[in-house]
């Protein structure tokens, strides 16, 4: 990715029932949670996702790839990679993969620290996990 451009990226925390979405940019190297999309067996409402892409006009997409702690793959790993490939084909944008180990756990801890159990009940975990995935990608691609 060209560092001289002010690139906007969308990050995704893939799940079979929910997909967290975050937005970030390379100029500030920061990411912010956006929304959590409902999914059915890993398939999002594509029209809702299209609206997000029209609104933010990202230059690329980052998908969190869930791995076991020892780095091995699991069933959801393959599903996340399929989602990444679908994004690439549907939107003709570069799609980057990012190891997302512990991102959901970190998101829960962060939300709990900020607002207790109530913060965990508002469906924010997935979008904050997407923020952490995207933030880690931005940091590692300075």
C-alpha atoms as a PDB file:
ATOM      1  CA  UNK A   1       0.000   0.000   0.000  1.00  0.00           C
ATOM      2  CA  UNK A   2       1.329   3.426  -0.924  1.00  0.00           C
ATOM      3  CA  UNK A   3       2.175   5.309   2.272  1.00  0.00           C
ATOM      4  CA  UNK A   4       2.013   8.712   0.560  1.00  0.00           C
ATOM      5  CA  UNK A   5      -1.711   8.244  -0.025  1.00  0.00           C
ATOM      6  CA  UNK A   6      -4.264   8.866   2.680  1.00  0.00           C
ATOM      7  CA  UNK A   7      -5.744   5.388   2.510  1.00  0.00           C
ATOM      8  CA  UNK A   8      -9.009   4.463   4.168  1.00  0.00           C
ATOM      9  CA  UNK A   9      -9.474   0.839   5.167  1.00  0.00           C
ATOM     10  CA  UNK A  10     -12.369  -1.196   6.506  1.00  0.00           C
ATOM     11  CA  UNK A  11     -11.556  -3.993   8.943  1.00  0.00           C
ATOM     12  CA  UNK A  12     -13.668  -7.068   9.625  1.00  0.00           C
ATOM     13  CA  UNK A  13     -13.979  -9.440  12.576  1.00  0.00           C
ATOM     14  CA  UNK A  14     -15.582 -12.426  10.841  1.00  0.00           C
ATOM     15  CA  UNK A  15     -18.059 -14.677  12.606  1.00  0.00           C
ATOM     16  CA  UNK A  16     -20.756 -17.057  11.454  1.00  0.00           C
ATOM     17  CA  UNK A  17     -23.520 -15.035  13.206  1.00  0.00           C
ATOM     18  CA  UNK A  18     -21.983 -11.548  13.416  1.00  0.00           C
ATOM     19  CA  UNK A  19     -19.325  -9.630  11.507  1.00  0.00           C
ATOM     20  CA  UNK A  20     -17.772  -6.632  13.231  1.00  0.00           C
ATOM     21  CA  UNK A  21     -16.739  -3.705  11.042  1.00  0.00           C
ATOM     22  CA  UNK A  22     -14.268  -0.898  11.764  1.00  0.00           C
ATOM     23  CA  UNK A  23     -12.803   1.963   9.749  1.00  0.00           C
ATOM     24  CA  UNK A  24      -9.256   3.247   9.837  1.00  0.00           C
ATOM     25  CA  UNK A  25      -6.785   5.318   7.899  1.00  0.00           C
ATOM     26  CA  UNK A  26      -3.098   5.118   7.228  1.00  0.00           C
ATOM     27  CA  UNK A  27      -2.350   8.821   7.751  1.00  0.00           C
ATOM     28  CA  UNK A  28      -3.291   8.700  11.459  1.00  0.00           C
ATOM     29  CA  UNK A  29      -2.730   4.947  11.839  1.00  0.00           C
ATOM     30  CA  UNK A  30      -5.923   4.752  13.886  1.00  0.00           C
ATOM     31  CA  UNK A  31      -9.077   2.664  13.665  1.00  0.00           C
ATOM     32  CA  UNK A  32     -12.577   3.123  15.093  1.00  0.00           C
ATOM     33  CA  UNK A  33     -15.442   0.649  15.533  1.00  0.00           C
ATOM     34  CA  UNK A  34     -18.345   1.157  13.112  1.00  0.00           C
ATOM     35  CA  UNK A  35     -21.062  -1.468  13.277  1.00  0.00           C
ATOM     36  CA  UNK A  36     -21.804  -5.143  13.757  1.00  0.00           C
ATOM     37  CA  UNK A  37     -23.540  -6.836  10.832  1.00  0.00           C
ATOM     38  CA  UNK A  38     -25.789  -9.836  11.253  1.00  0.00           C
ATOM     39  CA  UNK A  39     -24.695 -12.885   9.294  1.00  0.00           C
ATOM     40  CA  UNK A  40     -26.296 -16.185   8.441  1.00  0.00           C
ATOM     41  CA  UNK A  41     -23.715 -18.981   8.381  1.00  0.00           C
ATOM     42  CA  UNK A  42     -21.011 -16.381   7.734  1.00  0.00           C
ATOM     43  CA  UNK A  43     -22.857 -14.585   4.930  1.00  0.00           C
ATOM     44  CA  UNK A  44     -23.537 -10.901   5.690  1.00  0.00           C
ATOM     45  CA  UNK A  45     -26.382  -8.854   4.307  1.00  0.00           C
ATOM     46  CA  UNK A  46     -24.434  -7.853   1.187  1.00  0.00           C
ATOM     47  CA  UNK A  47     -26.618  -4.788   0.485  1.00  0.00           C
ATOM     48  CA  UNK A  48     -25.788  -3.368   3.927  1.00  0.00           C
ATOM     49  CA  UNK A  49     -22.114  -4.047   3.309  1.00  0.00           C
ATOM     50  CA  UNK A  50     -22.319  -2.355  -0.109  1.00  0.00           C
ATOM     51  CA  UNK A  51     -23.762   0.764   1.575  1.00  0.00           C
ATOM     52  CA  UNK A  52     -20.837   0.840   4.014  1.00  0.00           C
ATOM     53  CA  UNK A  53     -18.373   0.651   1.142  1.00  0.00           C
ATOM     54  CA  UNK A  54     -20.158   3.438  -0.740  1.00  0.00           C
ATOM     55  CA  UNK A  55     -20.136   5.607   2.383  1.00  0.00           C
ATOM     56  CA  UNK A  56     -16.486   5.088   3.330  1.00  0.00           C
ATOM     57  CA  UNK A  57     -15.000   4.383  -0.129  1.00  0.00           C
ATOM     58  CA  UNK A  58     -12.117   2.319   1.267  1.00  0.00           C
ATOM     59  CA  UNK A  59      -8.890   1.707  -0.621  1.00  0.00           C
ATOM     60  CA  UNK A  60      -8.576  -1.768   0.904  1.00  0.00           C
ATOM     61  CA  UNK A  61     -10.121  -4.250   3.317  1.00  0.00           C
ATOM     62  CA  UNK A  62      -8.570  -6.140   6.246  1.00  0.00           C
ATOM     63  CA  UNK A  63     -10.094  -9.422   7.406  1.00  0.00           C
ATOM     64  CA  UNK A  64      -9.166 -10.987  10.726  1.00  0.00           C
ATOM     65  CA  UNK A  65      -8.152 -14.623  10.334  1.00  0.00           C
ATOM     66  CA  UNK A  66      -8.881 -16.702  13.454  1.00  0.00           C
ATOM     67  CA  UNK A  67      -6.155 -19.207  14.266  1.00  0.00           C
ATOM     68  CA  UNK A  68      -5.618 -21.505  17.201  1.00  0.00           C
ATOM     69  CA  UNK A  69      -3.082 -20.284  19.751  1.00  0.00           C
ATOM     70  CA  UNK A  70      -0.451 -22.599  18.255  1.00  0.00           C
ATOM     71  CA  UNK A  71      -1.013 -21.049  14.805  1.00  0.00           C
ATOM     72  CA  UNK A  72      -2.942 -23.971  13.354  1.00  0.00           C
ATOM     73  CA  UNK A  73      -6.134 -23.457  11.396  1.00  0.00           C
ATOM     74  CA  UNK A  74      -9.667 -24.354  12.425  1.00  0.00           C
ATOM     75  CA  UNK A  75     -12.998 -24.542  10.586  1.00  0.00           C
ATOM     76  CA  UNK A  76     -13.721 -20.822  11.095  1.00  0.00           C
ATOM     77  CA  UNK A  77     -10.285 -20.017   9.606  1.00  0.00           C
ATOM     78  CA  UNK A  78     -11.375 -21.425   6.259  1.00  0.00           C
ATOM     79  CA  UNK A  79     -14.723 -19.608   6.474  1.00  0.00           C
ATOM     80  CA  UNK A  80     -12.953 -16.284   7.177  1.00  0.00           C
ATOM     81  CA  UNK A  81     -10.658 -16.846   4.174  1.00  0.00           C
ATOM     82  CA  UNK A  82     -13.717 -17.586   2.000  1.00  0.00           C
ATOM     83  CA  UNK A  83     -15.294 -14.326   3.234  1.00  0.00           C
ATOM     84  CA  UNK A  84     -12.076 -12.459   2.341  1.00  0.00           C
ATOM     85  CA  UNK A  85     -12.148 -13.973  -1.158  1.00  0.00           C
ATOM     86  CA  UNK A  86     -15.828 -13.025  -1.597  1.00  0.00           C
ATOM     87  CA  UNK A  87     -14.999  -9.427  -0.602  1.00  0.00           C
ATOM     88  CA  UNK A  88     -12.172  -9.337  -3.141  1.00  0.00           C
ATOM     89  CA  UNK A  89     -14.373 -10.661  -5.949  1.00  0.00           C
ATOM     90  CA  UNK A  90     -17.468  -8.554  -5.154  1.00  0.00           C
ATOM     91  CA  UNK A  91     -15.768  -5.205  -4.581  1.00  0.00           C
ATOM     92  CA  UNK A  92     -12.558  -5.474  -6.612  1.00  0.00           C
ATOM     93  CA  UNK A  93     -10.456  -4.095  -3.757  1.00  0.00           C
ATOM     94  CA  UNK A  94      -7.246  -5.384  -2.201  1.00  0.00           C
ATOM     95  CA  UNK A  95      -8.033  -7.633   0.772  1.00  0.00           C
ATOM     96  CA  UNK A  96      -5.404  -8.178   3.455  1.00  0.00           C
ATOM     97  CA  UNK A  97      -5.472 -10.926   6.058  1.00  0.00           C
ATOM     98  CA  UNK A  98      -4.503 -10.263   9.681  1.00  0.00           C
ATOM     99  CA  UNK A  99      -3.939 -12.773  12.463  1.00  0.00           C
ATOM    100  CA  UNK A 100      -6.710 -12.045  14.938  1.00  0.00           C
ATOM    101  CA  UNK A 101      -5.789 -14.301  17.842  1.00  0.00           C
ATOM    102  CA  UNK A 102      -7.239 -12.934  21.098  1.00  0.00           C
ATOM    103  CA  UNK A 103      -8.905  -9.887  19.449  1.00  0.00           C
ATOM    104  CA  UNK A 104     -12.391 -10.793  20.748  1.00  0.00           C
ATOM    105  CA  UNK A 105     -11.018 -11.475  24.232  1.00  0.00           C
ATOM    106  CA  UNK A 106      -9.171  -8.132  24.169  1.00  0.00           C
ATOM    107  CA  UNK A 107     -12.311  -6.362  22.920  1.00  0.00           C
ATOM    108  CA  UNK A 108     -14.396  -7.824  25.777  1.00  0.00           C
ATOM    109  CA  UNK A 109     -11.783  -6.791  28.336  1.00  0.00           C
ATOM    110  CA  UNK A 110     -11.591  -3.263  26.920  1.00  0.00           C
ATOM    111  CA  UNK A 111     -15.371  -2.800  26.860  1.00  0.00           C
ATOM    112  CA  UNK A 112     -15.776  -4.248  30.359  1.00  0.00           C
ATOM    113  CA  UNK A 113     -13.079  -1.917  31.705  1.00  0.00           C
ATOM    114  CA  UNK A 114     -14.878   1.070  30.156  1.00  0.00           C
ATOM    115  CA  UNK A 115     -18.455   0.234  31.053  1.00  0.00           C
ATOM    116  CA  UNK A 116     -18.854  -3.017  32.976  1.00  0.00           C
ATOM    117  CA  UNK A 117     -21.305  -5.716  31.962  1.00  0.00           C
ATOM    118  CA  UNK A 118     -23.663  -3.215  30.312  1.00  0.00           C
ATOM    119  CA  UNK A 119     -21.009  -2.337  27.731  1.00  0.00           C
ATOM    120  CA  UNK A 120     -20.787  -6.014  26.757  1.00  0.00           C
ATOM    121  CA  UNK A 121     -24.541  -6.234  26.130  1.00  0.00           C
ATOM    122  CA  UNK A 122     -24.789  -3.624  23.378  1.00  0.00           C
ATOM    123  CA  UNK A 123     -23.325  -5.748  20.571  1.00  0.00           C
ATOM    124  CA  UNK A 124     -20.115  -3.744  20.491  1.00  0.00           C
ATOM    125  CA  UNK A 125     -17.694  -6.619  21.042  1.00  0.00           C
ATOM    126  CA  UNK A 126     -17.494  -7.535  17.354  1.00  0.00           C
ATOM    127  CA  UNK A 127     -16.966  -3.994  16.060  1.00  0.00           C
ATOM    128  CA  UNK A 128     -14.327  -3.327  18.744  1.00  0.00           C
ATOM    129  CA  UNK A 129     -12.628  -6.622  17.800  1.00  0.00           C
ATOM    130  CA  UNK A 130     -12.642  -5.383  14.171  1.00  0.00           C
ATOM    131  CA  UNK A 131     -11.083  -2.131  15.393  1.00  0.00           C
ATOM    132  CA  UNK A 132      -8.304  -4.055  17.156  1.00  0.00           C
ATOM    133  CA  UNK A 133      -7.656  -6.207  14.067  1.00  0.00           C
ATOM    134  CA  UNK A 134      -7.441  -3.144  11.841  1.00  0.00           C
ATOM    135  CA  UNK A 135      -5.351  -1.213  14.379  1.00  0.00           C
ATOM    136  CA  UNK A 136      -2.885  -4.107  14.567  1.00  0.00           C
ATOM    137  CA  UNK A 137      -2.692  -4.239  10.768  1.00  0.00           C
ATOM    138  CA  UNK A 138      -2.047  -0.483  10.553  1.00  0.00           C
ATOM    139  CA  UNK A 139       0.661  -0.698  13.220  1.00  0.00           C
ATOM    140  CA  UNK A 140       2.372  -3.649  11.549  1.00  0.00           C
ATOM    141  CA  UNK A 141       2.331  -1.975   8.095  1.00  0.00           C
ATOM    142  CA  UNK A 142       3.972   1.347   8.986  1.00  0.00           C
END
